[in-house]
């Protein structure tokens, strides 16, 4: 996926200049330009920060070109779970087109050595999850713990947090957060 071209198209469709978006986000307009030229690959947290300035959710950003017709079904096959991830981490979103969706449910797949970025994530709401495979170092505020299969987490998402796969296999997490951030 061409993240830069997608960002540029969405920014222009919202009638925003690179300068205005950069001002809203608190970065230089050259940063926006480099992302749009695909000369910089932003982390998930950095991309979310840029998209918050538009505003558009990560899910809408990655799935905008998909059929947006609302679905009224409680079931989703594996091929109906779009990957809304970046930087090598896969976030498979459940119920993307569900009308008035108020929570986000993800199957997360983190290859060995991947993490959510050097910048800690922060957003409104709560989130929780369970590691089903591998080992994931979870940092919440000043607390750090390595979670293994069967162990979980639950915290207020306004507390800065970060996830890192510290194992030599894919780490898989099932997570949910509310309100929906993807």
N, C-alpha and C. Protein backbone atom coordinates (compact mmCIF):
# COMPACT_ATOMS: atom_id res chain seq x y z
N UNK A 1 0.83 -1.18 0.00
CA UNK A 1 0.00 0.00 0.00
C UNK A 1 0.88 1.24 0.00
N UNK A 2 0.50 2.22 -0.81
CA UNK A 2 1.24 3.47 -0.91
C UNK A 2 0.69 4.45 0.13
N UNK A 3 1.30 4.43 1.31
CA UNK A 3 0.82 5.26 2.43
C UNK A 3 0.94 6.74 2.08
N UNK A 4 2.03 7.13 1.44
CA UNK A 4 2.24 8.53 1.10
C UNK A 4 1.17 9.07 0.17
N UNK A 5 0.89 8.34 -0.90
CA UNK A 5 -0.13 8.78 -1.85
C UNK A 5 -1.51 8.81 -1.21
N UNK A 6 -1.78 7.84 -0.35
CA UNK A 6 -3.07 7.79 0.34
C UNK A 6 -3.20 9.00 1.26
N UNK A 7 -2.14 9.32 2.03
CA UNK A 7 -2.18 10.48 2.92
C UNK A 7 -2.40 11.75 2.11
N UNK A 8 -1.68 11.88 1.01
CA UNK A 8 -1.82 13.08 0.19
C UNK A 8 -3.23 13.21 -0.36
N UNK A 9 -3.81 12.12 -0.84
CA UNK A 9 -5.16 12.16 -1.40
C UNK A 9 -6.17 12.57 -0.33
N UNK A 10 -6.07 11.97 0.86
CA UNK A 10 -7.01 12.29 1.94
C UNK A 10 -6.82 13.73 2.41
N UNK A 11 -5.56 14.15 2.56
CA UNK A 11 -5.29 15.53 2.98
C UNK A 11 -5.91 16.52 2.00
N UNK A 12 -5.71 16.29 0.70
CA UNK A 12 -6.27 17.19 -0.31
C UNK A 12 -7.79 17.13 -0.35
N UNK A 13 -8.36 15.93 -0.14
CA UNK A 13 -9.82 15.81 -0.15
C UNK A 13 -10.45 16.58 1.01
N UNK A 14 -9.67 16.80 2.08
CA UNK A 14 -10.14 17.59 3.23
C UNK A 14 -9.74 19.06 3.09
N UNK A 15 -9.19 19.39 1.90
CA UNK A 15 -8.79 20.76 1.59
C UNK A 15 -7.77 21.31 2.58
N UNK A 16 -6.79 20.46 2.93
CA UNK A 16 -5.72 20.86 3.84
C UNK A 16 -4.40 20.96 3.08
N UNK A 17 -3.64 22.00 3.35
CA UNK A 17 -2.28 22.08 2.80
C UNK A 17 -1.35 21.27 3.70
N UNK A 18 -0.17 20.96 3.19
CA UNK A 18 0.82 20.28 4.02
C UNK A 18 1.15 21.15 5.23
N UNK A 19 1.24 22.44 5.02
CA UNK A 19 1.58 23.37 6.09
C UNK A 19 0.51 23.36 7.18
N UNK A 20 -0.77 23.39 6.79
CA UNK A 20 -1.87 23.40 7.77
C UNK A 20 -1.89 22.09 8.56
N UNK A 21 -1.73 20.96 7.87
CA UNK A 21 -1.72 19.67 8.57
C UNK A 21 -0.54 19.59 9.53
N UNK A 22 0.62 20.03 9.08
CA UNK A 22 1.81 20.02 9.94
C UNK A 22 1.60 20.89 11.18
N UNK A 23 0.98 22.04 11.00
CA UNK A 23 0.69 22.94 12.13
C UNK A 23 -0.25 22.27 13.12
N UNK A 24 -1.29 21.60 12.62
CA UNK A 24 -2.24 20.91 13.49
C UNK A 24 -1.58 19.80 14.30
N UNK A 25 -0.61 19.13 13.67
CA UNK A 25 0.02 17.96 14.28
C UNK A 25 1.23 18.34 15.14
N UNK A 26 1.81 19.50 14.86
CA UNK A 26 2.99 19.93 15.62
C UNK A 26 4.29 19.39 15.07
N UNK A 27 4.34 19.24 13.72
CA UNK A 27 5.56 18.81 13.05
C UNK A 27 5.86 19.81 11.93
N UNK A 28 7.00 19.66 11.29
CA UNK A 28 7.33 20.54 10.17
C UNK A 28 6.59 20.06 8.92
N UNK A 29 6.35 21.00 7.99
CA UNK A 29 5.69 20.56 6.76
C UNK A 29 6.60 19.66 5.94
N UNK A 30 7.92 19.73 6.15
CA UNK A 30 8.80 18.81 5.43
C UNK A 30 8.57 17.37 5.92
N UNK A 31 8.18 17.19 7.18
CA UNK A 31 7.86 15.85 7.67
C UNK A 31 6.67 15.28 6.91
N UNK A 32 5.62 16.09 6.75
CA UNK A 32 4.44 15.65 5.99
C UNK A 32 4.84 15.34 4.55
N UNK A 33 5.65 16.21 3.96
CA UNK A 33 6.11 16.01 2.59
C UNK A 33 6.89 14.70 2.44
N UNK A 34 7.79 14.43 3.39
CA UNK A 34 8.59 13.20 3.32
C UNK A 34 7.71 11.96 3.44
N UNK A 35 6.69 12.02 4.29
CA UNK A 35 5.77 10.88 4.41
C UNK A 35 5.02 10.70 3.09
N UNK A 36 4.52 11.79 2.52
CA UNK A 36 3.76 11.70 1.27
C UNK A 36 4.61 11.23 0.10
N UNK A 37 5.91 11.47 0.16
CA UNK A 37 6.82 11.00 -0.89
C UNK A 37 7.35 9.59 -0.60
N UNK A 38 6.89 9.00 0.51
CA UNK A 38 7.34 7.67 0.95
C UNK A 38 8.84 7.63 1.21
N UNK A 39 9.41 8.77 1.59
CA UNK A 39 10.82 8.81 1.96
C UNK A 39 11.00 8.54 3.45
N UNK A 40 9.88 8.62 4.19
CA UNK A 40 9.85 8.30 5.62
C UNK A 40 8.66 7.38 5.84
N UNK A 41 8.89 6.30 6.57
CA UNK A 41 7.80 5.38 6.90
C UNK A 41 7.44 5.60 8.36
N UNK A 42 6.30 6.23 8.62
CA UNK A 42 5.96 6.56 10.01
C UNK A 42 5.58 5.32 10.82
N UNK A 43 5.86 5.35 12.11
CA UNK A 43 5.40 4.30 13.02
C UNK A 43 3.89 4.42 13.15
N UNK A 44 3.26 3.41 13.73
CA UNK A 44 1.81 3.45 13.94
C UNK A 44 1.44 4.68 14.76
N UNK A 45 2.18 4.94 15.84
CA UNK A 45 1.84 6.08 16.69
C UNK A 45 2.03 7.41 15.94
N UNK A 46 3.08 7.52 15.13
CA UNK A 46 3.31 8.75 14.37
C UNK A 46 2.23 8.95 13.31
N UNK A 47 1.86 7.87 12.62
CA UNK A 47 0.82 7.98 11.60
C UNK A 47 -0.51 8.36 12.25
N UNK A 48 -0.81 7.76 13.39
CA UNK A 48 -2.06 8.09 14.10
C UNK A 48 -2.07 9.56 14.47
N UNK A 49 -0.94 10.09 14.92
CA UNK A 49 -0.84 11.50 15.29
C UNK A 49 -1.13 12.39 14.08
N UNK A 50 -0.57 12.03 12.93
CA UNK A 50 -0.81 12.81 11.70
C UNK A 50 -2.28 12.71 11.31
N UNK A 51 -2.85 11.52 11.38
CA UNK A 51 -4.25 11.34 10.98
C UNK A 51 -5.21 12.04 11.92
N UNK A 52 -4.84 12.15 13.20
CA UNK A 52 -5.67 12.88 14.15
C UNK A 52 -5.80 14.35 13.75
N UNK A 53 -4.80 14.86 13.04
CA UNK A 53 -4.83 16.25 12.59
C UNK A 53 -5.77 16.47 11.42
N UNK A 54 -6.23 15.41 10.76
CA UNK A 54 -7.09 15.58 9.58
C UNK A 54 -8.54 15.87 9.94
N UNK A 55 -9.27 15.24 10.78
CA UNK A 55 -9.09 13.97 11.47
C UNK A 55 -9.70 12.80 10.68
N UNK A 56 -9.02 11.64 10.80
CA UNK A 56 -9.50 10.39 10.21
C UNK A 56 -8.89 9.26 11.03
N UNK A 57 -9.64 8.20 11.24
CA UNK A 57 -9.13 7.07 12.03
C UNK A 57 -8.16 6.24 11.19
N UNK A 58 -7.33 5.46 11.87
CA UNK A 58 -6.43 4.55 11.15
C UNK A 58 -7.22 3.59 10.28
N UNK A 59 -8.32 3.06 10.80
CA UNK A 59 -9.13 2.10 10.03
C UNK A 59 -9.64 2.74 8.75
N UNK A 60 -10.21 3.94 8.87
CA UNK A 60 -10.72 4.61 7.68
C UNK A 60 -9.60 4.94 6.71
N UNK A 61 -8.45 5.32 7.24
CA UNK A 61 -7.31 5.63 6.38
C UNK A 61 -6.92 4.43 5.53
N UNK A 62 -6.84 3.24 6.15
CA UNK A 62 -6.38 2.06 5.42
C UNK A 62 -7.46 1.40 4.59
N UNK A 63 -8.72 1.65 4.88
CA UNK A 63 -9.79 0.92 4.20
C UNK A 63 -10.70 1.83 3.40
N UNK A 64 -10.34 3.07 3.21
CA UNK A 64 -11.19 4.04 2.55
C UNK A 64 -11.66 3.59 1.17
N UNK A 65 -10.83 2.87 0.44
CA UNK A 65 -11.20 2.47 -0.91
C UNK A 65 -12.04 1.19 -0.95
N UNK A 66 -12.30 0.60 0.20
CA UNK A 66 -13.14 -0.59 0.26
C UNK A 66 -14.60 -0.20 0.25
N UNK A 67 -15.45 -1.14 -0.08
CA UNK A 67 -16.88 -0.92 -0.08
C UNK A 67 -17.32 -0.52 1.33
N UNK A 68 -17.81 0.68 1.48
CA UNK A 68 -18.15 1.19 2.81
C UNK A 68 -19.60 0.90 3.19
N UNK A 69 -20.27 0.07 2.42
CA UNK A 69 -21.67 -0.25 2.74
C UNK A 69 -21.73 -0.92 4.10
N UNK A 70 -22.57 -0.38 4.97
CA UNK A 70 -22.69 -0.92 6.32
C UNK A 70 -23.25 -2.35 6.28
N UNK A 71 -22.75 -3.18 7.18
CA UNK A 71 -23.19 -4.57 7.27
C UNK A 71 -23.92 -4.76 8.59
N UNK A 72 -24.90 -5.59 8.54
CA UNK A 72 -25.64 -5.90 9.76
C UNK A 72 -25.57 -7.40 9.97
N UNK A 73 -24.39 -7.91 10.24
CA UNK A 73 -24.18 -9.33 10.52
C UNK A 73 -23.21 -9.45 11.69
N UNK A 74 -23.40 -10.44 12.52
CA UNK A 74 -22.47 -10.61 13.64
C UNK A 74 -21.24 -11.45 13.30
N UNK A 75 -21.12 -11.93 12.05
CA UNK A 75 -20.04 -12.86 11.71
C UNK A 75 -19.14 -12.31 10.61
N UNK A 76 -17.84 -12.59 10.74
CA UNK A 76 -16.86 -12.08 9.78
C UNK A 76 -15.85 -13.17 9.48
N UNK A 77 -15.68 -13.49 8.22
CA UNK A 77 -14.67 -14.48 7.83
C UNK A 77 -13.29 -13.83 7.87
N UNK A 78 -12.25 -14.65 7.84
CA UNK A 78 -10.88 -14.13 7.93
C UNK A 78 -10.58 -13.13 6.82
N UNK A 79 -11.13 -13.34 5.61
CA UNK A 79 -10.84 -12.41 4.52
C UNK A 79 -11.66 -11.12 4.62
N UNK A 80 -12.53 -11.01 5.61
CA UNK A 80 -13.28 -9.78 5.84
C UNK A 80 -12.67 -8.95 6.98
N UNK A 81 -11.49 -9.35 7.45
CA UNK A 81 -10.79 -8.62 8.50
C UNK A 81 -9.64 -7.85 7.85
N UNK A 82 -9.84 -6.56 7.51
CA UNK A 82 -8.77 -5.81 6.85
C UNK A 82 -7.58 -5.61 7.77
N UNK A 83 -6.40 -5.62 7.18
CA UNK A 83 -5.17 -5.35 7.93
C UNK A 83 -4.97 -3.85 7.96
N UNK A 84 -5.14 -3.25 9.14
CA UNK A 84 -5.00 -1.80 9.29
C UNK A 84 -3.67 -1.44 9.96
N UNK A 85 -2.72 -2.36 9.93
CA UNK A 85 -1.43 -2.16 10.58
C UNK A 85 -0.42 -1.45 9.72
N UNK A 86 0.75 -1.24 10.29
CA UNK A 86 1.88 -0.64 9.56
C UNK A 86 3.18 -1.05 10.26
N UNK A 87 4.30 -0.73 9.62
CA UNK A 87 5.63 -1.04 10.15
C UNK A 87 5.81 -2.52 10.48
N UNK A 88 5.22 -3.38 9.67
CA UNK A 88 5.39 -4.82 9.85
C UNK A 88 4.45 -5.45 10.84
N UNK A 89 3.68 -4.67 11.59
CA UNK A 89 2.71 -5.22 12.53
C UNK A 89 1.36 -5.28 11.83
N UNK A 90 0.68 -6.41 11.97
CA UNK A 90 -0.62 -6.59 11.35
C UNK A 90 -1.72 -6.46 12.40
N UNK A 91 -2.68 -5.60 12.12
CA UNK A 91 -3.85 -5.44 12.98
C UNK A 91 -5.08 -5.81 12.14
N UNK A 92 -5.65 -6.98 12.38
CA UNK A 92 -6.81 -7.43 11.62
C UNK A 92 -8.07 -7.00 12.37
N UNK A 93 -8.82 -6.10 11.76
CA UNK A 93 -9.96 -5.44 12.39
C UNK A 93 -11.25 -6.23 12.18
N UNK A 94 -11.95 -6.50 13.28
CA UNK A 94 -13.24 -7.20 13.24
C UNK A 94 -14.36 -6.17 13.18
N UNK A 95 -15.30 -6.35 12.25
CA UNK A 95 -16.49 -5.51 12.19
C UNK A 95 -16.27 -4.12 11.65
N UNK A 96 -15.38 -3.99 10.70
CA UNK A 96 -15.00 -2.68 10.15
C UNK A 96 -16.20 -1.84 9.73
N UNK A 97 -17.18 -2.41 9.06
CA UNK A 97 -18.30 -1.63 8.54
C UNK A 97 -19.55 -1.71 9.42
N UNK A 98 -19.40 -2.23 10.61
CA UNK A 98 -20.55 -2.32 11.50
C UNK A 98 -21.06 -0.91 11.79
N UNK A 99 -22.37 -0.68 11.62
CA UNK A 99 -22.91 0.66 11.85
C UNK A 99 -22.69 1.12 13.29
N UNK A 100 -22.24 2.35 13.44
CA UNK A 100 -22.03 2.99 14.74
C UNK A 100 -21.19 2.14 15.71
N UNK A 101 -20.15 1.53 15.16
CA UNK A 101 -19.25 0.68 15.96
C UNK A 101 -18.62 1.51 17.06
N UNK A 102 -18.69 1.01 18.30
CA UNK A 102 -18.18 1.75 19.45
C UNK A 102 -16.95 1.13 20.08
N UNK A 103 -16.55 -0.03 19.60
CA UNK A 103 -15.31 -0.63 20.10
C UNK A 103 -14.52 -1.19 18.95
N UNK A 104 -13.28 -1.42 19.22
CA UNK A 104 -12.35 -1.95 18.23
C UNK A 104 -11.86 -3.30 18.72
N UNK A 105 -12.04 -4.33 17.91
CA UNK A 105 -11.55 -5.67 18.23
C UNK A 105 -10.52 -6.03 17.17
N UNK A 106 -9.34 -6.44 17.63
CA UNK A 106 -8.23 -6.73 16.70
C UNK A 106 -7.60 -8.08 17.00
N UNK A 107 -7.14 -8.74 15.91
CA UNK A 107 -6.19 -9.84 16.03
C UNK A 107 -4.88 -9.24 15.56
N UNK A 108 -3.94 -9.12 16.49
CA UNK A 108 -2.66 -8.47 16.21
C UNK A 108 -1.59 -9.53 16.00
N UNK A 109 -0.80 -9.37 14.94
CA UNK A 109 0.31 -10.27 14.67
C UNK A 109 1.57 -9.42 14.57
N UNK A 110 2.48 -9.65 15.54
CA UNK A 110 3.73 -8.89 15.60
C UNK A 110 4.90 -9.83 15.28
N UNK A 111 5.56 -9.65 14.13
CA UNK A 111 6.74 -10.46 13.84
C UNK A 111 7.84 -10.21 14.87
N UNK A 112 8.80 -11.13 14.99
CA UNK A 112 9.89 -10.96 15.96
C UNK A 112 10.58 -9.60 15.82
N UNK A 113 10.81 -8.95 16.95
CA UNK A 113 11.54 -7.69 16.97
C UNK A 113 10.72 -6.45 16.65
N UNK A 114 9.45 -6.60 16.26
CA UNK A 114 8.66 -5.42 15.94
C UNK A 114 8.11 -4.78 17.21
N UNK A 115 7.81 -3.48 17.09
CA UNK A 115 7.20 -2.77 18.20
C UNK A 115 6.31 -1.67 17.66
N UNK A 116 5.55 -1.05 18.52
CA UNK A 116 4.62 -0.01 18.10
C UNK A 116 5.29 1.34 17.89
N UNK A 117 6.59 1.42 18.04
CA UNK A 117 7.34 2.65 17.78
C UNK A 117 7.99 3.20 19.03
N UNK A 118 8.97 4.06 18.83
CA UNK A 118 9.68 4.65 19.97
C UNK A 118 8.77 5.56 20.78
N UNK A 119 7.84 6.23 20.09
CA UNK A 119 6.90 7.10 20.80
C UNK A 119 5.82 6.25 21.45
N UNK A 120 5.51 6.58 22.68
CA UNK A 120 4.46 5.86 23.39
C UNK A 120 3.10 6.26 22.80
N UNK A 121 2.18 5.32 22.76
CA UNK A 121 0.83 5.57 22.28
C UNK A 121 -0.01 6.16 23.40
N UNK A 122 -0.92 7.04 23.06
CA UNK A 122 -1.86 7.62 24.03
C UNK A 122 -3.14 7.94 23.26
N UNK A 123 -4.28 7.56 23.81
CA UNK A 123 -5.57 7.90 23.20
C UNK A 123 -6.66 7.73 24.25
N UNK A 124 -7.82 8.27 23.96
CA UNK A 124 -8.94 8.17 24.89
C UNK A 124 -9.40 6.72 25.04
N UNK A 125 -9.98 6.42 26.19
CA UNK A 125 -10.64 5.14 26.40
C UNK A 125 -9.84 4.14 27.21
N UNK A 126 -10.23 2.88 27.01
CA UNK A 126 -9.61 1.75 27.70
C UNK A 126 -9.26 0.71 26.66
N UNK A 127 -8.28 -0.13 26.99
CA UNK A 127 -7.98 -1.25 26.12
C UNK A 127 -7.50 -2.44 26.94
N UNK A 128 -7.70 -3.59 26.36
CA UNK A 128 -7.29 -4.81 27.01
C UNK A 128 -7.04 -5.88 25.97
N UNK A 129 -6.33 -6.91 26.37
CA UNK A 129 -6.05 -7.99 25.43
C UNK A 129 -5.43 -9.18 26.11
N UNK A 130 -5.28 -10.24 25.33
CA UNK A 130 -4.68 -11.48 25.80
C UNK A 130 -3.66 -11.93 24.76
N UNK A 131 -2.46 -12.24 25.22
CA UNK A 131 -1.43 -12.80 24.34
C UNK A 131 -1.78 -14.27 24.12
N UNK A 132 -1.84 -14.70 22.87
CA UNK A 132 -2.15 -16.11 22.59
C UNK A 132 -0.95 -16.86 22.03
N UNK A 133 0.09 -16.12 21.64
CA UNK A 133 1.30 -16.75 21.14
C UNK A 133 2.47 -15.80 21.30
N UNK A 134 3.64 -16.31 21.64
CA UNK A 134 4.84 -15.50 21.74
C UNK A 134 4.96 -14.79 23.08
N UNK A 135 5.85 -13.80 23.10
CA UNK A 135 6.10 -13.00 24.29
C UNK A 135 6.11 -11.53 23.90
N UNK A 136 5.32 -10.74 24.59
CA UNK A 136 5.19 -9.33 24.27
C UNK A 136 5.53 -8.50 25.50
N UNK A 137 6.48 -7.59 25.33
CA UNK A 137 6.79 -6.65 26.39
C UNK A 137 5.79 -5.51 26.29
N UNK A 138 5.03 -5.31 27.37
CA UNK A 138 4.02 -4.26 27.41
C UNK A 138 4.48 -3.21 28.42
N UNK A 139 4.55 -1.97 27.97
CA UNK A 139 4.89 -0.85 28.84
C UNK A 139 3.65 0.01 28.99
N UNK A 140 3.26 0.26 30.23
CA UNK A 140 2.12 1.13 30.54
C UNK A 140 2.62 2.11 31.60
N UNK A 141 2.78 3.36 31.18
CA UNK A 141 3.36 4.35 32.10
C UNK A 141 4.78 3.94 32.44
N UNK A 142 5.07 3.80 33.74
CA UNK A 142 6.42 3.39 34.15
C UNK A 142 6.48 1.91 34.51
N UNK A 143 5.41 1.16 34.18
CA UNK A 143 5.39 -0.27 34.45
C UNK A 143 5.69 -1.06 33.18
N UNK A 144 6.55 -2.05 33.29
CA UNK A 144 6.93 -2.88 32.15
C UNK A 144 6.79 -4.34 32.55
N UNK A 145 6.20 -5.13 31.67
CA UNK A 145 6.08 -6.57 31.96
C UNK A 145 6.09 -7.34 30.65
N UNK A 146 6.73 -8.49 30.65
CA UNK A 146 6.69 -9.39 29.50
C UNK A 146 5.54 -10.37 29.73
N UNK A 147 4.59 -10.36 28.79
CA UNK A 147 3.44 -11.24 28.87
C UNK A 147 3.61 -12.41 27.91
N UNK A 148 3.23 -13.59 28.37
CA UNK A 148 3.31 -14.81 27.57
C UNK A 148 1.91 -15.32 27.26
N UNK A 149 1.82 -16.34 26.43
CA UNK A 149 0.53 -16.90 26.04
C UNK A 149 -0.35 -17.15 27.26
N UNK A 150 -1.58 -16.68 27.18
CA UNK A 150 -2.53 -16.85 28.26
C UNK A 150 -2.59 -15.68 29.22
N UNK A 151 -1.62 -14.77 29.15
CA UNK A 151 -1.61 -13.61 30.05
C UNK A 151 -2.20 -12.40 29.33
N UNK A 152 -2.76 -11.47 30.11
CA UNK A 152 -3.44 -10.35 29.51
C UNK A 152 -3.12 -9.02 30.16
N UNK A 153 -3.73 -7.98 29.64
CA UNK A 153 -3.56 -6.61 30.13
C UNK A 153 -4.88 -5.87 29.99
N UNK A 154 -5.04 -4.81 30.78
CA UNK A 154 -6.22 -3.96 30.72
C UNK A 154 -5.83 -2.65 31.39
N UNK A 155 -5.97 -1.51 30.69
CA UNK A 155 -5.57 -0.23 31.25
C UNK A 155 -6.30 0.92 30.58
N UNK A 156 -6.21 2.09 31.21
CA UNK A 156 -6.74 3.31 30.61
C UNK A 156 -5.76 3.77 29.53
N UNK A 157 -6.25 3.97 28.32
CA UNK A 157 -5.40 4.25 27.17
C UNK A 157 -4.76 5.64 27.16
N UNK A 158 -5.19 6.51 28.06
CA UNK A 158 -4.54 7.83 28.15
C UNK A 158 -3.16 7.71 28.78
N UNK A 159 -2.91 6.61 29.45
CA UNK A 159 -1.58 6.37 30.02
C UNK A 159 -0.67 5.96 28.86
N UNK A 160 0.48 6.63 28.69
CA UNK A 160 1.38 6.27 27.59
C UNK A 160 1.71 4.78 27.64
N UNK A 161 1.66 4.12 26.44
CA UNK A 161 1.89 2.68 26.40
C UNK A 161 2.57 2.28 25.10
N UNK A 162 3.15 1.08 25.14
CA UNK A 162 3.94 0.58 24.01
C UNK A 162 3.96 -0.94 24.07
N UNK A 163 4.04 -1.59 22.90
CA UNK A 163 4.10 -3.04 22.80
C UNK A 163 5.32 -3.43 21.96
N UNK A 164 6.02 -4.50 22.38
CA UNK A 164 7.21 -4.95 21.65
C UNK A 164 7.30 -6.47 21.72
N UNK A 165 7.47 -7.11 20.55
CA UNK A 165 7.64 -8.56 20.51
C UNK A 165 9.08 -8.87 20.89
N UNK A 166 9.27 -9.56 22.01
CA UNK A 166 10.62 -9.89 22.48
C UNK A 166 10.96 -11.37 22.24
N UNK A 167 10.10 -12.08 21.50
CA UNK A 167 10.37 -13.49 21.24
C UNK A 167 10.91 -13.67 19.83
N UNK A 168 11.31 -14.89 19.50
CA UNK A 168 11.84 -15.18 18.17
C UNK A 168 10.77 -15.81 17.28
N UNK A 169 9.51 -15.64 17.64
CA UNK A 169 8.39 -16.10 16.82
C UNK A 169 7.37 -14.99 16.74
N UNK A 170 6.42 -15.12 15.82
CA UNK A 170 5.34 -14.14 15.77
C UNK A 170 4.62 -14.12 17.11
N UNK A 171 4.31 -12.93 17.57
CA UNK A 171 3.47 -12.78 18.76
C UNK A 171 2.06 -12.48 18.26
N UNK A 172 1.07 -13.11 18.87
CA UNK A 172 -0.33 -12.89 18.49
C UNK A 172 -1.10 -12.45 19.73
N UNK A 173 -1.84 -11.36 19.56
CA UNK A 173 -2.64 -10.80 20.64
C UNK A 173 -4.06 -10.61 20.12
N UNK A 174 -5.04 -10.92 20.94
CA UNK A 174 -6.41 -10.53 20.67
C UNK A 174 -6.70 -9.37 21.61
N UNK A 175 -7.13 -8.23 21.05
CA UNK A 175 -7.32 -7.04 21.86
C UNK A 175 -8.62 -6.34 21.52
N UNK A 176 -9.03 -5.49 22.45
CA UNK A 176 -10.21 -4.66 22.24
C UNK A 176 -9.96 -3.31 22.91
N UNK A 177 -10.53 -2.27 22.32
CA UNK A 177 -10.48 -0.97 22.97
C UNK A 177 -11.76 -0.21 22.66
N UNK A 178 -12.07 0.72 23.55
CA UNK A 178 -13.23 1.55 23.37
C UNK A 178 -12.90 2.95 23.88
N UNK A 179 -13.30 4.00 23.22
CA UNK A 179 -13.96 3.97 21.92
C UNK A 179 -13.01 3.48 20.85
N UNK A 180 -13.58 3.11 19.72
CA UNK A 180 -12.78 2.54 18.63
C UNK A 180 -11.72 3.52 18.14
N UNK A 181 -10.46 3.07 18.11
CA UNK A 181 -9.38 3.92 17.61
C UNK A 181 -8.99 3.54 16.19
N UNK A 182 -9.41 2.40 15.72
CA UNK A 182 -9.19 1.98 14.32
C UNK A 182 -10.53 1.87 13.65
